[in-house]
């Protein structure tokens, strides 16, 4: 739940990056309204932490931790649902756009 943010929090996070113009932020706001995402959308903790006054974590280590957290949880749930023990898997291919 700590990863979940509202649309306004997303806009605030983007504003705090000091990268986007007001016009770009307004455009993002309009996109969010039409995006189909809810007011409780998960965002990476390295970005969300800027709402607490911390600097955005743009490190590879932070990104790796996030990927591990998400991927491990998904794989664990998939194996459990399929009633497959991890030792029964020889090769598992996962795509992560960051790595």
C-alpha atoms as a PDB file:
ATOM      1  CA  UNK A   1       0.000   0.000   0.000  1.00  0.00           C
ATOM      2  CA  UNK A   2       2.922   2.369   0.555  1.00  0.00           C
ATOM      3  CA  UNK A   3       3.485   2.349  -3.213  1.00  0.00           C
ATOM      4  CA  UNK A   4      -0.063   3.537  -3.992  1.00  0.00           C
ATOM      5  CA  UNK A   5      -0.680   7.157  -4.896  1.00  0.00           C
ATOM      6  CA  UNK A   6      -3.473   9.346  -6.229  1.00  0.00           C
ATOM      7  CA  UNK A   7      -3.407  11.221  -9.519  1.00  0.00           C
ATOM      8  CA  UNK A   8      -2.570  14.461  -7.726  1.00  0.00           C
ATOM      9  CA  UNK A   9       0.291  12.760  -5.910  1.00  0.00           C
ATOM     10  CA  UNK A  10       1.611  11.519  -9.267  1.00  0.00           C
ATOM     11  CA  UNK A  11       1.541  15.068 -10.617  1.00  0.00           C
ATOM     12  CA  UNK A  12       3.269  16.315  -7.458  1.00  0.00           C
ATOM     13  CA  UNK A  13       5.977  13.658  -7.828  1.00  0.00           C
ATOM     14  CA  UNK A  14       6.548  14.711 -11.419  1.00  0.00           C
ATOM     15  CA  UNK A  15       6.658  18.376 -10.388  1.00  0.00           C
ATOM     16  CA  UNK A  16       9.323  17.570  -7.788  1.00  0.00           C
ATOM     17  CA  UNK A  17      11.550  16.063 -10.482  1.00  0.00           C
ATOM     18  CA  UNK A  18      12.193  19.635 -11.702  1.00  0.00           C
ATOM     19  CA  UNK A  19      12.103  18.341 -15.258  1.00  0.00           C
ATOM     20  CA  UNK A  20       8.640  19.171 -16.561  1.00  0.00           C
ATOM     21  CA  UNK A  21       7.080  22.489 -17.528  1.00  0.00           C
ATOM     22  CA  UNK A  22       3.695  23.550 -16.170  1.00  0.00           C
ATOM     23  CA  UNK A  23       2.285  22.820 -19.621  1.00  0.00           C
ATOM     24  CA  UNK A  24       3.685  19.277 -19.504  1.00  0.00           C
ATOM     25  CA  UNK A  25       2.264  18.739 -16.031  1.00  0.00           C
ATOM     26  CA  UNK A  26      -1.168  19.932 -17.193  1.00  0.00           C
ATOM     27  CA  UNK A  27      -0.951  17.498 -20.100  1.00  0.00           C
ATOM     28  CA  UNK A  28      -0.039  14.663 -17.706  1.00  0.00           C
ATOM     29  CA  UNK A  29      -2.988  15.594 -15.513  1.00  0.00           C
ATOM     30  CA  UNK A  30      -5.359  15.353 -18.492  1.00  0.00           C
ATOM     31  CA  UNK A  31      -3.853  11.994 -19.473  1.00  0.00           C
ATOM     32  CA  UNK A  32      -4.285  10.619 -15.970  1.00  0.00           C
ATOM     33  CA  UNK A  33      -7.963  11.573 -15.929  1.00  0.00           C
ATOM     34  CA  UNK A  34      -8.488   9.589 -19.135  1.00  0.00           C
ATOM     35  CA  UNK A  35      -6.017   6.789 -18.365  1.00  0.00           C
ATOM     36  CA  UNK A  36      -8.345   4.404 -16.601  1.00  0.00           C
ATOM     37  CA  UNK A  37      -6.016   4.242 -13.599  1.00  0.00           C
ATOM     38  CA  UNK A  38      -7.582   4.689 -10.203  1.00  0.00           C
ATOM     39  CA  UNK A  39      -6.802   6.992  -7.319  1.00  0.00           C
ATOM     40  CA  UNK A  40      -4.733   4.225  -5.761  1.00  0.00           C
ATOM     41  CA  UNK A  41      -2.186   3.357  -8.424  1.00  0.00           C
ATOM     42  CA  UNK A  42       1.143   1.725  -7.551  1.00  0.00           C
ATOM     43  CA  UNK A  43       4.306   3.672  -8.361  1.00  0.00           C
ATOM     44  CA  UNK A  44       7.941   2.788  -7.700  1.00  0.00           C
ATOM     45  CA  UNK A  45       8.990   3.483  -4.100  1.00  0.00           C
ATOM     46  CA  UNK A  46      12.120   5.280  -5.326  1.00  0.00           C
ATOM     47  CA  UNK A  47       9.871   7.918  -6.865  1.00  0.00           C
ATOM     48  CA  UNK A  48       7.127   7.900  -4.199  1.00  0.00           C
ATOM     49  CA  UNK A  49       9.650   8.746  -1.487  1.00  0.00           C
ATOM     50  CA  UNK A  50       9.985  12.257  -2.906  1.00  0.00           C
ATOM     51  CA  UNK A  51       6.543  12.935  -1.384  1.00  0.00           C
ATOM     52  CA  UNK A  52       8.214  12.472   2.014  1.00  0.00           C
ATOM     53  CA  UNK A  53      10.874  15.058   1.211  1.00  0.00           C
ATOM     54  CA  UNK A  54      13.487  12.473   0.254  1.00  0.00           C
ATOM     55  CA  UNK A  55      15.415  12.637  -2.997  1.00  0.00           C
ATOM     56  CA  UNK A  56      14.167  10.388  -5.803  1.00  0.00           C
ATOM     57  CA  UNK A  57      16.150   7.152  -5.895  1.00  0.00           C
ATOM     58  CA  UNK A  58      17.472   6.819  -9.438  1.00  0.00           C
ATOM     59  CA  UNK A  59      20.067   4.166  -8.607  1.00  0.00           C
ATOM     60  CA  UNK A  60      20.350   0.780 -10.247  1.00  0.00           C
ATOM     61  CA  UNK A  61      20.335  -0.767  -6.765  1.00  0.00           C
ATOM     62  CA  UNK A  62      16.975   0.789  -5.952  1.00  0.00           C
ATOM     63  CA  UNK A  63      15.572  -0.319  -9.289  1.00  0.00           C
ATOM     64  CA  UNK A  64      16.888  -3.849  -8.745  1.00  0.00           C
ATOM     65  CA  UNK A  65      15.247  -4.036  -5.301  1.00  0.00           C
ATOM     66  CA  UNK A  66      11.935  -2.907  -6.775  1.00  0.00           C
ATOM     67  CA  UNK A  67      12.159  -5.439  -9.624  1.00  0.00           C
ATOM     68  CA  UNK A  68      13.041  -8.247  -7.206  1.00  0.00           C
ATOM     69  CA  UNK A  69      10.143  -7.374  -4.929  1.00  0.00           C
ATOM     70  CA  UNK A  70       7.630  -7.347  -7.775  1.00  0.00           C
ATOM     71  CA  UNK A  71       9.006 -10.308  -9.745  1.00  0.00           C
ATOM     72  CA  UNK A  72       9.503 -12.576  -6.719  1.00  0.00           C
ATOM     73  CA  UNK A  73       5.955 -11.904  -5.528  1.00  0.00           C
ATOM     74  CA  UNK A  74       4.456 -12.615  -8.951  1.00  0.00           C
ATOM     75  CA  UNK A  75       6.478 -15.811  -9.457  1.00  0.00           C
ATOM     76  CA  UNK A  76       5.637 -17.042  -5.960  1.00  0.00           C
ATOM     77  CA  UNK A  77       1.908 -16.500  -6.515  1.00  0.00           C
ATOM     78  CA  UNK A  78       2.003 -18.093  -9.985  1.00  0.00           C
ATOM     79  CA  UNK A  79       3.810 -21.210  -8.710  1.00  0.00           C
ATOM     80  CA  UNK A  80       1.405 -21.525  -5.798  1.00  0.00           C
ATOM     81  CA  UNK A  81      -1.634 -21.146  -8.038  1.00  0.00           C
ATOM     82  CA  UNK A  82      -0.264 -23.692 -10.526  1.00  0.00           C
ATOM     83  CA  UNK A  83       0.699 -26.002  -7.625  1.00  0.00           C
ATOM     84  CA  UNK A  84       4.247 -26.242  -8.970  1.00  0.00           C
ATOM     85  CA  UNK A  85       7.296 -26.526  -6.713  1.00  0.00           C
ATOM     86  CA  UNK A  86      10.216 -24.240  -7.705  1.00  0.00           C
ATOM     87  CA  UNK A  87      12.542 -27.272  -8.006  1.00  0.00           C
ATOM     88  CA  UNK A  88      10.327 -28.510 -10.843  1.00  0.00           C
ATOM     89  CA  UNK A  89      11.336 -25.512 -12.959  1.00  0.00           C
ATOM     90  CA  UNK A  90      14.521 -25.817 -15.018  1.00  0.00           C
ATOM     91  CA  UNK A  91      14.480 -22.394 -16.680  1.00  0.00           C
ATOM     92  CA  UNK A  92      12.392 -19.319 -16.006  1.00  0.00           C
ATOM     93  CA  UNK A  93      12.534 -16.417 -18.445  1.00  0.00           C
ATOM     94  CA  UNK A  94      11.434 -13.014 -17.173  1.00  0.00           C
ATOM     95  CA  UNK A  95      11.553  -9.742 -19.054  1.00  0.00           C
ATOM     96  CA  UNK A  96      12.200  -6.504 -17.188  1.00  0.00           C
ATOM     97  CA  UNK A  97      12.653  -3.423 -19.338  1.00  0.00           C
ATOM     98  CA  UNK A  98      15.189  -1.871 -16.989  1.00  0.00           C
ATOM     99  CA  UNK A  99      17.770  -4.646 -17.126  1.00  0.00           C
END
